Amino acid sequence: MNINFEEINREVEKNFKERLNFIKIWAEYVKTHSDEDWSEQQNILINSQFNQ
């Protein structure tokens, strides 16, 4: 079995960049929407984890 560490490192880097981008998007959303708006969205996400 051949392991391509370069490919793994590229994937790790890509995932890291995607996570940072999501954080930036979410931070901007929180800044530009009322507490009620974003907390309702977060509540839906959290509750969806319990319904599985």
N, C-alpha and C. Protein backbone atom coordinates (compact mmCIF):
# COMPACT_ATOMS: atom_id res chain seq x y z
N MET A 1 0.85 -1.18 0.00
CA MET A 1 0.00 0.00 0.00
C MET A 1 0.89 1.24 0.00
N ASN A 2 0.65 2.11 -0.97
CA ASN A 2 1.41 3.35 -1.06
C ASN A 2 0.60 4.48 -0.42
N ILE A 3 1.27 5.23 0.40
CA ILE A 3 0.63 6.38 1.04
C ILE A 3 1.24 7.63 0.44
N ASN A 4 0.39 8.46 -0.10
CA ASN A 4 0.84 9.71 -0.71
C ASN A 4 0.69 10.83 0.32
N PHE A 5 1.79 11.10 1.03
CA PHE A 5 1.75 12.11 2.08
C PHE A 5 1.53 13.52 1.54
N GLU A 6 1.99 13.77 0.34
CA GLU A 6 1.76 15.09 -0.27
C GLU A 6 0.27 15.32 -0.49
N GLU A 7 -0.41 14.30 -0.96
CA GLU A 7 -1.85 14.41 -1.18
C GLU A 7 -2.59 14.59 0.15
N ILE A 8 -2.17 13.86 1.15
CA ILE A 8 -2.79 13.99 2.48
C ILE A 8 -2.58 15.40 3.01
N ASN A 9 -1.37 15.92 2.88
CA ASN A 9 -1.07 17.27 3.35
C ASN A 9 -1.88 18.32 2.61
N ARG A 10 -2.06 18.13 1.30
CA ARG A 10 -2.89 19.07 0.53
C ARG A 10 -4.33 19.04 1.03
N GLU A 11 -4.84 17.86 1.32
CA GLU A 11 -6.22 17.73 1.81
C GLU A 11 -6.37 18.37 3.19
N VAL A 12 -5.39 18.17 4.04
CA VAL A 12 -5.41 18.78 5.38
C VAL A 12 -5.41 20.30 5.25
N GLU A 13 -4.56 20.82 4.39
CA GLU A 13 -4.48 22.27 4.17
C GLU A 13 -5.80 22.81 3.61
N LYS A 14 -6.38 22.08 2.67
CA LYS A 14 -7.67 22.49 2.09
C LYS A 14 -8.75 22.53 3.15
N ASN A 15 -8.82 21.49 3.99
CA ASN A 15 -9.81 21.45 5.06
C ASN A 15 -9.63 22.61 6.03
N PHE A 16 -8.38 22.90 6.37
CA PHE A 16 -8.07 23.99 7.29
C PHE A 16 -8.56 25.32 6.71
N LYS A 17 -8.28 25.56 5.43
CA LYS A 17 -8.71 26.80 4.78
C LYS A 17 -10.23 26.89 4.72
N GLU A 18 -10.90 25.78 4.46
CA GLU A 18 -12.37 25.78 4.43
C GLU A 18 -12.94 26.13 5.80
N ARG A 19 -12.34 25.59 6.85
CA ARG A 19 -12.80 25.89 8.21
C ARG A 19 -12.60 27.37 8.54
N LEU A 20 -11.44 27.91 8.18
CA LEU A 20 -11.20 29.34 8.43
C LEU A 20 -12.19 30.20 7.66
N ASN A 21 -12.47 29.82 6.43
CA ASN A 21 -13.43 30.57 5.63
C ASN A 21 -14.81 30.53 6.27
N PHE A 22 -15.23 29.37 6.76
CA PHE A 22 -16.52 29.26 7.42
C PHE A 22 -16.57 30.15 8.65
N ILE A 23 -15.50 30.16 9.43
CA ILE A 23 -15.46 31.00 10.63
C ILE A 23 -15.62 32.48 10.25
N LYS A 24 -14.95 32.90 9.20
CA LYS A 24 -15.06 34.29 8.75
C LYS A 24 -16.48 34.60 8.29
N ILE A 25 -17.08 33.68 7.56
CA ILE A 25 -18.46 33.89 7.10
C ILE A 25 -19.41 33.97 8.28
N TRP A 26 -19.27 33.06 9.24
CA TRP A 26 -20.15 33.05 10.41
C TRP A 26 -19.96 34.30 11.25
N ALA A 27 -18.72 34.73 11.43
CA ALA A 27 -18.45 35.94 12.20
C ALA A 27 -19.11 37.15 11.54
N GLU A 28 -19.04 37.23 10.23
CA GLU A 28 -19.68 38.33 9.51
C GLU A 28 -21.20 38.26 9.67
N TYR A 29 -21.75 37.06 9.61
CA TYR A 29 -23.19 36.88 9.78
C TYR A 29 -23.63 37.36 11.17
N VAL A 30 -22.87 36.96 12.18
CA VAL A 30 -23.21 37.34 13.55
C VAL A 30 -23.14 38.86 13.72
N LYS A 31 -22.16 39.48 13.06
CA LYS A 31 -22.01 40.94 13.16
C LYS A 31 -23.14 41.69 12.47
N THR A 32 -23.69 41.11 11.41
CA THR A 32 -24.65 41.84 10.57
C THR A 32 -26.10 41.44 10.81
N HIS A 33 -26.35 40.50 11.71
CA HIS A 33 -27.72 40.08 12.01
C HIS A 33 -27.98 40.21 13.51
N SER A 34 -29.22 40.36 13.85
CA SER A 34 -29.57 40.50 15.26
C SER A 34 -29.30 39.21 16.02
N ASP A 35 -29.16 39.35 17.32
CA ASP A 35 -28.94 38.17 18.17
C ASP A 35 -30.05 37.15 17.99
N GLU A 36 -31.27 37.62 17.83
CA GLU A 36 -32.40 36.71 17.67
C GLU A 36 -32.28 35.88 16.39
N ASP A 37 -31.85 36.54 15.31
CA ASP A 37 -31.71 35.83 14.03
C ASP A 37 -30.67 34.72 14.11
N TRP A 38 -29.46 35.07 14.50
CA TRP A 38 -28.41 34.06 14.46
C TRP A 38 -28.55 33.03 15.56
N SER A 39 -29.11 33.43 16.72
CA SER A 39 -29.27 32.43 17.78
C SER A 39 -30.35 31.42 17.41
N GLU A 40 -31.38 31.87 16.67
CA GLU A 40 -32.41 30.95 16.20
C GLU A 40 -31.81 29.94 15.22
N GLN A 41 -30.95 30.42 14.32
CA GLN A 41 -30.29 29.53 13.37
C GLN A 41 -29.41 28.51 14.10
N GLN A 42 -28.67 28.99 15.07
CA GLN A 42 -27.79 28.09 15.82
C GLN A 42 -28.61 27.08 16.61
N ASN A 43 -29.73 27.50 17.15
CA ASN A 43 -30.62 26.61 17.90
C ASN A 43 -31.14 25.48 17.01
N ILE A 44 -31.49 25.82 15.79
CA ILE A 44 -31.97 24.81 14.84
C ILE A 44 -30.87 23.78 14.58
N LEU A 45 -29.66 24.26 14.37
CA LEU A 45 -28.53 23.36 14.11
C LEU A 45 -28.28 22.45 15.31
N ILE A 46 -28.22 23.01 16.49
CA ILE A 46 -27.93 22.21 17.69
C ILE A 46 -29.05 21.20 17.94
N ASN A 47 -30.28 21.63 17.85
CA ASN A 47 -31.40 20.72 18.08
C ASN A 47 -31.44 19.59 17.05
N SER A 48 -31.00 19.88 15.83
CA SER A 48 -31.02 18.84 14.80
C SER A 48 -30.07 17.70 15.16
N GLN A 49 -29.07 17.96 15.94
CA GLN A 49 -28.13 16.93 16.35
C GLN A 49 -28.75 15.95 17.35
N PHE A 50 -29.75 16.41 18.09
CA PHE A 50 -30.39 15.57 19.09
C PHE A 50 -31.52 14.71 18.50
N ASN A 51 -32.01 15.09 17.35
CA ASN A 51 -33.15 14.39 16.74
C ASN A 51 -32.72 13.19 15.92
N GLN A 52 -31.45 12.87 15.91
CA GLN A 52 -30.99 11.76 15.06
C GLN A 52 -31.11 10.47 15.75
